[in-house]
Amino acid sequence: MVAGEASSDQLAAHLIGALRKHLPDAQFYGIGGPKMQREGFDSLWPAEMLAVHGYAEALRNYRAIAGMRRQLLRRLLADRPDVFIGVDGYDFNLWLERRLKRAGITTIHYVSPSIWAWRRHRLQKIIGSVSHLLALYPFEPALYKDTAVNCSYVGHPMADAIPLEMDQRLAREKLGVATGRPVVALLPGSRQSELNFMAETFIETAKLLLERQPQLQFLVPLVSRETRLQFETALWKLKADELPFTLMFGHATDAIAASDAALVASGTATLETALVGRPMVIAYKMSPWSWRLMRHMGYLPWIGLPNILARRFVVPEFLQDEATPENLAQALGNLLGDRQVRTAIGRVFGSIHRLLRQDTAQKAADAVLPYLRKS
């Protein structure tokens, strides 16, 4: 198995645990993180070596990563494991999977690459590399229909982890948030590169909302000291450090549950917000060069996962030049002022939650077990 990111480490650890219930003597090794290792996984290299973000960082580390990948390939070709499972990590894992599949080793890829969004040109590469694909979303198996790839829908682990109902009052008590005031959660992204483009826009949006609703308070969960420092610097720059912002380390799910609505940078956080059942406005900005490239690659009318899953605009999306504080404040103000709309959005999100809640680890194990039992 290979899992380089923290989210992949968690997915893989749950899968290992589910497989061990059926095959207690199975051996798991490759590259994995601490959660996998707690399940008895033997990691030959630190998973952190694969946790690079952005083209520049990937290029700086290319020689080390490529050398590690070649060494792992040689080891796997010599060992001939019963199954290789690449967990996400598209570029690293598909390179391995293609060569292992050619050598007659079963290859399973866990998490379908987002060909449904902008990478459809990569479908042939996936077909040539993967024996079986485990998909998180129910619309993905149809993308592989009439191809040589078996694709199993296993649901999304976040839907298993988040309760179907989250009590707003209890979430506010847990966080020490006043119960009588409206609350907006701000989720400007998990990476420093995202905050470079989003932090000031989110703060300016909050300032506009406060002009219209002075009783508002804002919860801002941030994932690291670096991103917190970025956001604090933006607050100081925009003279907003005295405004009612509560900055937090983590606790994103609690912050969303405590809120009446959220402003969310496009990504997995939009799905988390939907699973908690809170209405949101989705925003995203990137460099002009990246935007021009992505705009021509995309072919769906939506970028937010809740809208993609609903196949319609359940919540508004504002991208690039349209992601202005004025537009975002207007859309959030509309949500805060219309309880009926918030309730209707909550019903749609509840349906999405139930659809994705599939006991993902066990379903993934059920798809993998036939390959192991054949051996």
Protein backbone atom coordinates (compact mmCIF):
# COMPACT_ATOMS: atom_id res chain seq x y z
CA MET A 1 0.00 0.00 0.00
CA VAL A 2 1.07 3.59 -0.57
CA ALA A 3 -0.63 6.51 1.19
CA GLY A 4 1.24 9.81 1.47
CA GLU A 5 -1.30 12.36 2.68
CA ALA A 6 -2.90 12.54 6.14
CA SER A 7 -6.35 11.91 4.64
CA SER A 8 -5.01 8.90 2.72
CA ASP A 9 -3.36 7.56 5.87
CA GLN A 10 -6.73 7.59 7.62
CA LEU A 11 -8.53 5.93 4.69
CA ALA A 12 -5.90 3.21 4.46
CA ALA A 13 -5.83 2.62 8.24
CA HIS A 14 -9.59 2.03 8.29
CA LEU A 15 -9.26 -0.38 5.36
CA ILE A 16 -6.43 -2.31 7.05
CA GLY A 17 -8.54 -2.63 10.20
CA ALA A 18 -11.53 -3.94 8.21
CA LEU A 19 -9.39 -6.42 6.27
CA ARG A 20 -7.75 -7.77 9.45
CA LYS A 21 -11.17 -8.83 10.76
CA HIS A 22 -11.27 -11.33 7.90
CA LEU A 23 -7.55 -12.00 7.39
CA PRO A 24 -5.81 -11.52 10.76
CA ASP A 25 -2.48 -12.85 9.46
CA ALA A 26 -2.30 -10.58 6.40
CA GLN A 27 0.88 -8.52 6.02
CA PHE A 28 0.69 -4.85 4.97
CA TYR A 29 3.73 -2.82 3.90
CA GLY A 30 4.84 -0.02 1.59
CA ILE A 31 4.59 3.67 2.42
CA GLY A 32 2.13 4.88 5.04
CA GLY A 33 1.58 7.20 7.95
CA PRO A 34 1.16 6.84 11.72
CA LYS A 35 -2.47 5.69 11.66
CA MET A 36 -1.61 2.85 9.27
CA GLN A 37 1.38 1.94 11.41
CA ARG A 38 -0.85 1.67 14.48
CA GLU A 39 -2.76 -0.99 12.52
CA GLY A 40 0.46 -2.98 12.06
CA PHE A 41 1.56 -1.50 8.71
CA ASP A 42 5.30 -1.65 7.92
CA SER A 43 6.27 1.67 6.31
CA LEU A 44 9.53 1.39 4.38
CA TRP A 45 9.83 5.18 3.93
CA PRO A 46 8.29 8.12 5.83
CA ALA A 47 4.94 9.07 4.33
CA GLU A 48 5.89 12.75 4.77
CA MET A 49 8.20 12.44 1.78
CA LEU A 50 5.12 12.24 -0.45
CA ALA A 51 3.14 15.02 1.26
CA VAL A 52 4.20 17.83 -1.10
CA HIS A 53 1.84 20.50 -2.44
CA GLY A 54 2.08 22.48 -5.64
CA TYR A 55 4.19 22.11 -8.74
CA ALA A 56 7.19 24.03 -7.37
CA GLU A 57 7.53 21.86 -4.26
CA ALA A 58 7.02 18.69 -6.31
CA LEU A 59 9.80 19.72 -8.70
CA ARG A 60 12.19 20.51 -5.83
CA ASN A 61 11.66 17.03 -4.38
CA TYR A 62 11.37 15.16 -7.66
CA ARG A 63 14.70 13.33 -7.58
CA ALA A 64 14.21 12.00 -4.05
CA ILE A 65 10.61 10.95 -4.72
CA ALA A 66 11.43 9.33 -8.07
CA GLY A 67 14.33 7.40 -6.52
CA MET A 68 12.12 6.13 -3.69
CA ARG A 69 9.45 5.08 -6.19
CA ARG A 70 11.94 3.12 -8.31
CA GLN A 71 13.25 1.33 -5.22
CA LEU A 72 9.73 0.44 -4.14
CA LEU A 73 8.89 -0.86 -7.61
CA ARG A 74 11.92 -3.16 -7.59
CA ARG A 75 10.93 -4.47 -4.14
CA LEU A 76 7.32 -5.12 -5.21
CA LEU A 77 8.32 -6.85 -8.45
CA ALA A 78 10.61 -9.14 -6.44
CA ASP A 79 8.04 -9.82 -3.67
CA ARG A 80 4.99 -10.07 -5.96
CA PRO A 81 2.39 -9.13 -3.34
CA ASP A 82 -1.15 -10.48 -3.74
CA VAL A 83 -2.53 -6.96 -4.11
CA PHE A 84 -1.13 -3.43 -4.40
CA ILE A 85 -3.41 -0.65 -3.13
CA GLY A 86 -2.58 2.94 -3.99
CA VAL A 87 -4.58 5.34 -1.81
CA ASP A 88 -5.17 8.62 -3.66
CA GLY A 89 -1.75 10.09 -4.62
CA TYR A 90 -2.66 9.94 -8.30
CA ASP A 91 0.68 10.75 -9.96
CA PHE A 92 2.89 8.64 -7.68
CA ASN A 93 0.58 5.63 -7.45
CA LEU A 94 -0.57 5.35 -11.06
CA TRP A 95 3.06 5.24 -12.20
CA LEU A 96 3.57 2.25 -9.89
CA GLU A 97 0.24 0.66 -10.72
CA ARG A 98 0.83 0.71 -14.46
CA ARG A 99 4.12 -1.17 -14.12
CA LEU A 100 2.78 -3.63 -11.54
CA LYS A 101 -0.29 -4.40 -13.60
CA ARG A 102 1.89 -5.12 -16.64
CA ALA A 103 3.81 -7.57 -14.45
CA GLY A 104 0.57 -9.40 -13.57
CA ILE A 105 0.09 -7.97 -10.06
CA THR A 106 -3.44 -6.91 -9.10
CA THR A 107 -3.63 -3.14 -8.61
CA ILE A 108 -6.39 -1.37 -6.69
CA HIS A 109 -6.70 2.40 -6.56
CA TYR A 110 -8.64 3.84 -3.63
CA VAL A 111 -10.33 7.17 -4.49
CA SER A 112 -11.17 7.84 -8.11
CA PRO A 113 -9.18 10.73 -9.59
CA SER A 114 -11.53 13.64 -10.27
CA ILE A 115 -11.92 12.92 -13.98
CA TRP A 116 -15.52 14.06 -13.55
CA ALA A 117 -14.29 17.60 -12.91
CA TRP A 118 -11.38 18.36 -15.23
CA ARG A 119 -9.23 15.29 -15.77
CA ARG A 120 -11.26 13.21 -18.20
CA HIS A 121 -8.23 13.05 -20.51
CA ARG A 122 -6.59 10.83 -17.87
CA LEU A 123 -9.20 8.08 -18.16
CA GLN A 124 -7.10 5.96 -20.54
CA LYS A 125 -4.13 6.14 -18.17
CA ILE A 126 -6.30 4.88 -15.33
CA ILE A 127 -7.67 2.04 -17.46
CA GLY A 128 -4.14 0.92 -18.30
CA SER A 129 -2.99 1.02 -14.68
CA VAL A 130 -5.81 -0.14 -12.40
CA SER A 131 -7.49 -3.52 -11.98
CA HIS A 132 -10.14 -2.28 -9.53
CA LEU A 133 -11.10 1.20 -8.40
CA LEU A 134 -12.80 2.13 -5.12
CA ALA A 135 -14.96 5.24 -5.58
CA LEU A 136 -16.16 7.63 -2.88
CA TYR A 137 -19.06 9.10 -4.87
CA PRO A 138 -22.10 7.29 -6.34
CA PHE A 139 -21.85 8.84 -9.81
CA GLU A 140 -18.27 7.64 -10.39
CA PRO A 141 -18.81 3.96 -11.37
CA ALA A 142 -20.70 5.06 -14.48
CA LEU A 143 -17.54 6.82 -15.69
CA TYR A 144 -15.80 3.44 -15.93
CA LYS A 145 -18.69 1.56 -17.54
CA ASP A 146 -17.62 -0.47 -20.59
CA THR A 147 -13.94 -0.23 -19.60
CA ALA A 148 -11.62 -2.92 -18.24
CA VAL A 149 -11.66 -1.31 -14.77
CA ASN A 150 -13.98 -2.71 -12.11
CA CYS A 151 -15.30 0.18 -10.05
CA SER A 152 -17.03 -0.18 -6.66
CA TYR A 153 -18.87 2.64 -4.91
CA VAL A 154 -17.89 2.48 -1.22
CA GLY A 155 -19.21 5.78 0.14
CA HIS A 156 -17.32 8.56 1.87
CA PRO A 157 -15.66 8.00 5.29
CA MET A 158 -16.50 11.53 6.40
CA ALA A 159 -20.19 10.67 6.11
CA ASP A 160 -19.65 7.75 8.49
CA ALA A 161 -17.73 9.91 10.97
CA ILE A 162 -20.11 12.90 11.11
CA PRO A 163 -23.45 12.26 12.88
CA LEU A 164 -26.60 12.60 10.77
CA GLU A 165 -27.76 15.35 13.13
CA MET A 166 -25.48 17.87 14.86
CA ASP A 167 -26.94 20.03 17.62
CA GLN A 168 -26.10 23.70 17.12
CA ARG A 169 -26.68 24.59 20.77
CA LEU A 170 -24.34 21.87 22.03
CA ALA A 171 -21.68 22.88 19.50
CA ARG A 172 -21.87 26.49 20.71
CA GLU A 173 -21.62 25.41 24.35
CA LYS A 174 -18.56 23.30 23.52
CA LEU A 175 -16.84 26.25 21.83
CA GLY A 176 -18.00 28.86 24.34
CA VAL A 177 -19.96 30.77 21.69
CA ALA A 178 -22.85 33.04 22.69
CA THR A 179 -26.17 31.37 21.89
CA GLY A 180 -28.20 34.47 21.13
CA ARG A 181 -26.16 35.87 18.23
CA PRO A 182 -25.97 34.70 14.60
CA VAL A 183 -22.72 32.92 13.74
CA VAL A 184 -20.88 32.56 10.43
CA ALA A 185 -18.07 30.03 9.98
CA LEU A 186 -15.24 31.10 7.68
CA LEU A 187 -13.18 28.33 6.08
CA PRO A 188 -10.65 30.04 3.80
CA GLY A 189 -8.65 26.89 2.93
CA SER A 190 -6.20 24.49 4.50
CA ARG A 191 -3.07 25.44 2.57
CA GLN A 192 -0.99 28.58 2.77
CA SER A 193 -1.28 29.03 -1.00
CA GLU A 194 -5.08 29.13 -0.65
CA LEU A 195 -4.98 31.72 2.12
CA ASN A 196 -2.75 33.89 -0.07
CA PHE A 197 -5.76 34.35 -2.34
CA MET A 198 -8.68 33.89 0.06
CA ALA A 199 -7.88 35.36 3.49
CA GLU A 200 -8.32 39.06 2.71
CA THR A 201 -11.44 38.43 0.61
CA PHE A 202 -13.05 36.51 3.48
CA ILE A 203 -12.18 39.23 5.99
CA GLU A 204 -13.50 42.01 3.75
CA THR A 205 -16.70 39.98 3.32
CA ALA A 206 -17.08 39.73 7.09
CA LYS A 207 -16.58 43.49 7.47
CA LEU A 208 -19.39 44.16 4.98
CA LEU A 209 -21.68 41.73 6.79
CA LEU A 210 -20.96 43.42 10.13
CA GLU A 211 -21.99 46.78 8.69
CA ARG A 212 -25.43 45.26 7.99
CA GLN A 213 -25.65 42.93 11.00
CA PRO A 214 -23.42 44.22 13.83
CA GLN A 215 -24.43 41.33 16.13
CA LEU A 216 -22.70 38.74 13.94
CA GLN A 217 -19.76 36.69 15.19
CA PHE A 218 -17.30 34.69 13.08
CA LEU A 219 -15.58 31.37 13.76
CA VAL A 220 -12.40 30.66 11.77
CA PRO A 221 -10.97 27.13 12.14
CA LEU A 222 -7.41 26.93 10.79
CA VAL A 223 -5.32 23.79 10.36
CA SER A 224 -1.80 24.96 11.29
CA ARG A 225 0.23 27.66 13.01
CA GLU A 226 1.33 28.90 9.59
CA THR A 227 -2.20 29.41 8.28
CA ARG A 228 -3.27 31.00 11.56
CA LEU A 229 -0.38 33.47 11.34
CA GLN A 230 -1.37 34.25 7.74
CA PHE A 231 -4.94 34.98 8.77
CA GLU A 232 -3.87 37.08 11.76
CA THR A 233 -1.54 39.08 9.50
CA ALA A 234 -4.41 39.72 7.08
CA LEU A 235 -6.64 40.84 9.97
CA TRP A 236 -3.98 43.32 11.09
CA LYS A 237 -3.38 44.58 7.54
CA LEU A 238 -7.11 45.22 7.03
CA LYS A 239 -7.50 46.78 10.52
CA ALA A 240 -9.97 44.05 11.45
CA ASP A 241 -8.14 42.53 14.42
CA GLU A 242 -10.64 44.08 16.89
CA LEU A 243 -13.68 42.63 15.11
CA PRO A 244 -15.57 39.55 16.46
CA PHE A 245 -13.38 36.82 14.92
CA THR A 246 -12.62 33.69 16.94
CA LEU A 247 -9.60 31.92 15.46
CA MET A 248 -9.29 28.22 16.26
CA PHE A 249 -6.82 25.39 15.75
CA GLY A 250 -8.84 22.68 14.02
CA HIS A 251 -12.36 21.93 15.30
CA ALA A 252 -13.76 22.71 11.85
CA THR A 253 -16.72 20.35 12.28
CA ASP A 254 -17.65 21.99 15.60
CA ALA A 255 -17.31 25.48 14.12
CA ILE A 256 -19.57 24.57 11.22
CA ALA A 257 -22.11 22.93 13.55
CA ALA A 258 -22.19 26.08 15.71
CA SER A 259 -22.83 28.34 12.70
CA ASP A 260 -25.97 29.50 10.94
CA ALA A 261 -24.16 29.66 7.60
CA ALA A 262 -20.62 29.34 6.28
CA LEU A 263 -18.30 30.87 3.71
CA VAL A 264 -16.13 28.06 2.40
CA ALA A 265 -13.22 27.80 -0.02
CA SER A 266 -13.99 25.12 -2.60
CA GLY A 267 -12.64 21.70 -1.64
CA THR A 268 -13.34 18.95 0.88
CA ALA A 269 -14.49 21.55 3.43
CA THR A 270 -17.60 22.15 1.30
CA LEU A 271 -18.52 18.47 1.68
CA GLU A 272 -17.85 18.62 5.43
CA THR A 273 -20.15 21.65 5.69
CA ALA A 274 -22.88 19.85 3.75
CA LEU A 275 -22.58 16.73 5.93
CA VAL A 276 -22.95 18.87 9.05
CA GLY A 277 -26.08 20.25 7.36
CA ARG A 278 -25.28 23.96 7.24
CA PRO A 279 -25.96 26.25 4.26
CA MET A 280 -22.93 27.85 2.67
CA VAL A 281 -21.53 30.10 0.01
CA ILE A 282 -18.64 28.60 -1.94
CA ALA A 283 -15.77 30.79 -3.14
CA TYR A 284 -12.44 30.19 -4.81
CA LYS A 285 -9.61 32.28 -6.21
CA MET A 286 -6.25 31.32 -7.65
CA SER A 287 -3.48 32.86 -9.74
CA PRO A 288 -4.68 34.32 -13.07
CA TRP A 289 -2.47 31.86 -14.97
CA SER A 290 -3.90 28.84 -13.11
CA TRP A 291 -7.43 30.17 -13.55
CA ARG A 292 -7.06 30.44 -17.33
CA LEU A 293 -5.77 26.88 -17.45
CA MET A 294 -8.44 25.40 -15.17
CA ARG A 295 -11.29 27.24 -16.84
CA HIS A 296 -10.55 25.55 -20.16
CA MET A 297 -10.09 22.11 -18.56
CA GLY A 298 -13.36 22.02 -16.61
CA TYR A 299 -16.59 20.77 -18.14
CA LEU A 300 -19.08 20.62 -15.26
CA PRO A 301 -21.18 23.68 -14.40
CA TRP A 302 -20.32 23.26 -10.69
CA ILE A 303 -17.09 23.09 -8.72
CA GLY A 304 -18.46 22.58 -5.19
CA LEU A 305 -18.91 18.95 -4.13
CA PRO A 306 -22.40 19.53 -2.64
CA ASN A 307 -23.63 20.95 -5.96
CA ILE A 308 -21.90 18.20 -7.95
CA LEU A 309 -23.55 15.53 -5.80
CA ALA A 310 -26.95 17.22 -6.06
CA ARG A 311 -26.42 17.82 -9.80
CA ARG A 312 -27.69 21.38 -9.40
CA PHE A 313 -26.85 24.68 -7.74
CA VAL A 314 -28.08 24.06 -4.20
CA VAL A 315 -25.72 26.75 -2.86
CA PRO A 316 -24.10 29.66 -4.72
CA GLU A 317 -20.56 29.52 -6.10
CA PHE A 318 -18.37 32.55 -6.79
CA LEU A 319 -15.10 31.99 -8.64
CA GLN A 320 -12.13 34.21 -9.35
CA ASP A 321 -13.23 37.73 -10.40
CA GLU A 322 -16.79 37.05 -9.20
CA ALA A 323 -15.55 36.15 -5.70
CA THR A 324 -15.73 39.76 -4.48
CA PRO A 325 -16.54 40.74 -0.90
CA GLU A 326 -19.68 42.47 -2.16
CA ASN A 327 -21.00 39.35 -3.93
CA LEU A 328 -20.10 37.05 -1.06
CA ALA A 329 -21.60 39.32 1.59
CA GLN A 330 -24.83 39.67 -0.40
CA ALA A 331 -25.17 35.89 -0.82
CA LEU A 332 -24.40 35.17 2.84
CA GLY A 333 -26.78 37.90 3.95
CA ASN A 334 -29.52 36.32 1.85
CA LEU A 335 -28.95 32.95 3.53
CA LEU A 336 -28.89 34.42 7.02
CA GLY A 337 -32.12 36.28 6.37
CA ASP A 338 -34.16 33.37 4.98
CA ARG A 339 -34.84 30.51 7.36
CA GLN A 340 -36.97 28.66 4.78
CA VAL A 341 -34.09 28.55 2.31
CA ARG A 342 -31.71 27.35 5.02
CA THR A 343 -34.15 24.58 5.96
CA ALA A 344 -34.57 23.50 2.32
CA ILE A 345 -30.79 23.37 1.83
CA GLY A 346 -30.50 21.32 5.03
CA ARG A 347 -32.94 18.75 3.64
CA VAL A 348 -30.90 18.34 0.45
CA PHE A 349 -27.70 18.00 2.47
CA GLY A 350 -29.37 15.36 4.67
CA SER A 351 -30.13 13.30 1.56
CA ILE A 352 -26.51 13.61 0.43
CA HIS A 353 -25.29 12.52 3.86
CA ARG A 354 -27.45 9.39 3.85
CA LEU A 355 -26.33 8.57 0.31
CA LEU A 356 -22.62 8.77 1.24
CA ARG A 357 -22.99 6.99 4.59
CA GLN A 358 -22.10 3.45 3.50
CA ASP A 359 -19.75 2.01 6.17
CA THR A 360 -16.92 2.82 3.78
CA ALA A 361 -14.14 0.79 5.38
CA GLN A 362 -16.17 -2.43 5.29
CA LYS A 363 -17.41 -1.84 1.73
CA ALA A 364 -13.83 -1.20 0.59
CA ALA A 365 -12.69 -4.38 2.36
CA ASP A 366 -15.49 -6.36 0.69
CA ALA A 367 -14.20 -5.22 -2.72
CA VAL A 368 -10.57 -6.14 -1.89
CA LEU A 369 -11.16 -9.50 -0.18
CA PRO A 370 -11.95 -11.56 -3.32
CA TYR A 371 -8.47 -10.79 -4.72
CA LEU A 372 -6.81 -11.91 -1.49
CA ARG A 373 -8.90 -15.04 -1.07
CA LYS A 374 -8.07 -16.17 -4.61
CA SER A 375 -4.44 -16.35 -3.54
